[in-house]
Amino acid sequence: MRVRNEVISSKKADFIIDNYTFEVGGKNKQQKQIEKDGKSFVVKDDIEFGYLNVIPLWALGLNY
């Protein structure tokens, strides 16, 4: 992600890329930390498919 975007650390989540907040965790990760932020995503490990604002961790690797 750093090749084309600026990755910034965040106080309420793990990181921010272009005003989008990302919280990374396992398949049981909840959205409690980022539920008040409208432009936020949960990146989960050990899931096959994404839904709503949940992205599989493997999908971020496709951006390289």
N, C-alpha and C. Protein backbone atom coordinates (compact mmCIF):
# COMPACT_ATOMS: atom_id res chain seq x y z
N MET A 1 0.82 -1.20 0.00
CA MET A 1 0.00 0.00 0.00
C MET A 1 0.86 1.26 0.00
N ARG A 2 2.06 1.20 0.54
CA ARG A 2 2.90 2.39 0.62
C ARG A 2 3.50 2.78 -0.71
N VAL A 3 3.41 1.92 -1.72
CA VAL A 3 3.98 2.24 -3.02
C VAL A 3 3.27 3.44 -3.64
N ARG A 4 1.94 3.49 -3.52
CA ARG A 4 1.17 4.57 -4.15
C ARG A 4 0.38 5.43 -3.17
N ASN A 5 0.40 5.09 -1.89
CA ASN A 5 -0.39 5.81 -0.90
C ASN A 5 0.44 6.11 0.34
N GLU A 6 0.03 7.12 1.05
CA GLU A 6 0.67 7.43 2.32
C GLU A 6 -0.08 6.68 3.43
N VAL A 7 0.63 5.86 4.16
CA VAL A 7 0.05 5.08 5.26
C VAL A 7 0.41 5.79 6.56
N ILE A 8 -0.62 6.15 7.34
CA ILE A 8 -0.45 6.91 8.57
C ILE A 8 -0.99 6.11 9.74
N SER A 9 -0.29 6.13 10.87
CA SER A 9 -0.81 5.45 12.06
C SER A 9 -2.01 6.23 12.60
N SER A 10 -2.88 5.53 13.33
CA SER A 10 -4.11 6.11 13.83
C SER A 10 -4.24 5.86 15.32
N LYS A 11 -4.86 6.79 16.04
CA LYS A 11 -5.08 6.61 17.48
C LYS A 11 -6.26 5.70 17.76
N LYS A 12 -7.26 5.66 16.87
CA LYS A 12 -8.44 4.85 17.13
C LYS A 12 -8.48 3.54 16.36
N ALA A 13 -7.58 3.35 15.41
CA ALA A 13 -7.52 2.11 14.63
C ALA A 13 -6.06 1.78 14.37
N ASP A 14 -5.80 0.87 13.42
CA ASP A 14 -4.42 0.49 13.13
C ASP A 14 -3.72 1.47 12.19
N PHE A 15 -4.39 1.85 11.10
CA PHE A 15 -3.77 2.80 10.18
C PHE A 15 -4.81 3.49 9.32
N ILE A 16 -4.38 4.58 8.64
CA ILE A 16 -5.23 5.37 7.75
C ILE A 16 -4.54 5.47 6.40
N ILE A 17 -5.31 5.26 5.34
CA ILE A 17 -4.83 5.45 3.98
C ILE A 17 -5.83 6.34 3.26
N ASP A 18 -5.41 7.53 2.84
CA ASP A 18 -6.28 8.46 2.10
C ASP A 18 -7.63 8.66 2.76
N ASN A 19 -7.66 9.00 4.02
CA ASN A 19 -8.88 9.27 4.80
C ASN A 19 -9.76 8.05 5.04
N TYR A 20 -9.27 6.86 4.77
CA TYR A 20 -9.98 5.61 5.08
C TYR A 20 -9.27 4.94 6.25
N THR A 21 -10.02 4.56 7.27
CA THR A 21 -9.47 3.96 8.48
C THR A 21 -9.55 2.44 8.37
N PHE A 22 -8.49 1.74 8.77
CA PHE A 22 -8.42 0.29 8.71
C PHE A 22 -8.07 -0.27 10.08
N GLU A 23 -8.82 -1.28 10.48
CA GLU A 23 -8.56 -2.01 11.72
C GLU A 23 -8.32 -3.47 11.32
N VAL A 24 -7.18 -4.02 11.70
CA VAL A 24 -6.78 -5.37 11.30
C VAL A 24 -6.94 -6.31 12.48
N GLY A 25 -7.46 -7.53 12.20
CA GLY A 25 -7.61 -8.52 13.26
C GLY A 25 -7.95 -9.89 12.71
N GLY A 26 -8.19 -10.81 13.61
CA GLY A 26 -8.57 -12.17 13.24
C GLY A 26 -10.02 -12.24 12.80
N LYS A 27 -10.49 -13.43 12.50
CA LYS A 27 -11.84 -13.57 11.97
C LYS A 27 -12.93 -13.18 12.95
N ASN A 28 -12.61 -13.09 14.23
CA ASN A 28 -13.59 -12.68 15.24
C ASN A 28 -13.51 -11.20 15.61
N LYS A 29 -12.72 -10.43 14.88
CA LYS A 29 -12.55 -9.00 15.16
C LYS A 29 -13.88 -8.27 14.97
N GLN A 30 -14.23 -7.45 15.95
CA GLN A 30 -15.47 -6.67 15.90
C GLN A 30 -15.21 -5.26 15.40
N GLN A 31 -16.27 -4.50 15.16
CA GLN A 31 -16.15 -3.14 14.63
C GLN A 31 -16.32 -2.07 15.70
N LYS A 32 -16.20 -2.42 16.96
CA LYS A 32 -16.44 -1.49 18.05
C LYS A 32 -15.49 -0.29 18.02
N GLN A 33 -14.24 -0.49 17.65
CA GLN A 33 -13.27 0.59 17.64
C GLN A 33 -13.57 1.63 16.57
N ILE A 34 -14.15 1.22 15.47
CA ILE A 34 -14.31 2.12 14.32
C ILE A 34 -15.75 2.37 13.94
N GLU A 35 -16.70 1.98 14.76
CA GLU A 35 -18.11 2.07 14.38
C GLU A 35 -18.60 3.51 14.19
N LYS A 36 -17.95 4.49 14.80
CA LYS A 36 -18.39 5.88 14.67
C LYS A 36 -17.76 6.58 13.46
N ASP A 37 -16.78 5.96 12.85
CA ASP A 37 -16.13 6.54 11.68
C ASP A 37 -16.79 6.02 10.41
N GLY A 38 -17.28 6.92 9.57
CA GLY A 38 -18.02 6.53 8.38
C GLY A 38 -17.18 5.88 7.30
N LYS A 39 -15.91 6.25 7.20
CA LYS A 39 -15.03 5.70 6.17
C LYS A 39 -14.06 4.72 6.80
N SER A 40 -14.56 3.59 7.25
CA SER A 40 -13.71 2.64 7.96
C SER A 40 -13.95 1.22 7.47
N PHE A 41 -12.90 0.41 7.61
CA PHE A 41 -12.95 -0.98 7.18
C PHE A 41 -12.28 -1.86 8.22
N VAL A 42 -12.80 -3.07 8.37
CA VAL A 42 -12.18 -4.08 9.22
C VAL A 42 -11.52 -5.07 8.26
N VAL A 43 -10.24 -5.30 8.47
CA VAL A 43 -9.48 -6.25 7.66
C VAL A 43 -9.29 -7.50 8.51
N LYS A 44 -9.90 -8.61 8.08
CA LYS A 44 -9.89 -9.84 8.88
C LYS A 44 -9.06 -10.93 8.23
N ASP A 45 -8.35 -11.65 9.06
CA ASP A 45 -7.62 -12.83 8.63
C ASP A 45 -8.54 -14.05 8.74
N ASP A 46 -8.25 -15.08 8.00
CA ASP A 46 -8.99 -16.35 8.03
C ASP A 46 -10.43 -16.25 7.56
N ILE A 47 -10.72 -15.33 6.63
CA ILE A 47 -12.04 -15.33 5.97
C ILE A 47 -11.82 -15.39 4.47
N GLU A 48 -12.76 -15.98 3.77
CA GLU A 48 -12.64 -16.15 2.32
C GLU A 48 -13.16 -14.93 1.55
N PHE A 49 -14.30 -14.40 1.99
CA PHE A 49 -14.98 -13.34 1.25
C PHE A 49 -15.22 -12.13 2.13
N GLY A 50 -15.25 -10.96 1.52
CA GLY A 50 -15.58 -9.74 2.24
C GLY A 50 -17.07 -9.46 2.18
N TYR A 51 -17.54 -8.58 3.04
CA TYR A 51 -18.94 -8.17 3.05
C TYR A 51 -19.02 -6.81 3.71
N LEU A 52 -19.92 -5.96 3.22
CA LEU A 52 -20.09 -4.59 3.71
C LEU A 52 -18.72 -3.90 3.83
N ASN A 53 -18.30 -3.56 5.04
CA ASN A 53 -17.00 -2.90 5.20
C ASN A 53 -15.94 -3.83 5.79
N VAL A 54 -16.09 -5.13 5.55
CA VAL A 54 -15.12 -6.13 6.00
C VAL A 54 -14.36 -6.65 4.79
N ILE A 55 -13.03 -6.60 4.87
CA ILE A 55 -12.16 -7.01 3.76
C ILE A 55 -11.30 -8.18 4.23
N PRO A 56 -11.17 -9.23 3.42
CA PRO A 56 -10.23 -10.31 3.79
C PRO A 56 -8.79 -9.80 3.72
N LEU A 57 -7.96 -10.24 4.63
CA LEU A 57 -6.58 -9.79 4.68
C LEU A 57 -5.83 -10.11 3.39
N TRP A 58 -6.12 -11.24 2.79
CA TRP A 58 -5.42 -11.63 1.56
C TRP A 58 -5.70 -10.64 0.42
N ALA A 59 -6.84 -9.97 0.45
CA ALA A 59 -7.19 -9.03 -0.63
C ALA A 59 -6.28 -7.80 -0.64
N LEU A 60 -5.78 -7.40 0.51
CA LEU A 60 -4.86 -6.26 0.55
C LEU A 60 -3.56 -6.59 -0.17
N GLY A 61 -3.17 -7.85 -0.17
CA GLY A 61 -1.96 -8.25 -0.87
C GLY A 61 -2.07 -8.12 -2.37
N LEU A 62 -3.27 -8.10 -2.90
CA LEU A 62 -3.47 -7.95 -4.33
C LEU A 62 -3.22 -6.52 -4.82
N ASN A 63 -3.11 -5.59 -3.90
CA ASN A 63 -2.88 -4.19 -4.28
C ASN A 63 -1.43 -3.90 -4.62
N TYR A 64 -0.53 -4.80 -4.35
CA TYR A 64 0.87 -4.58 -4.62
C TYR A 64 1.14 -4.80 -6.06
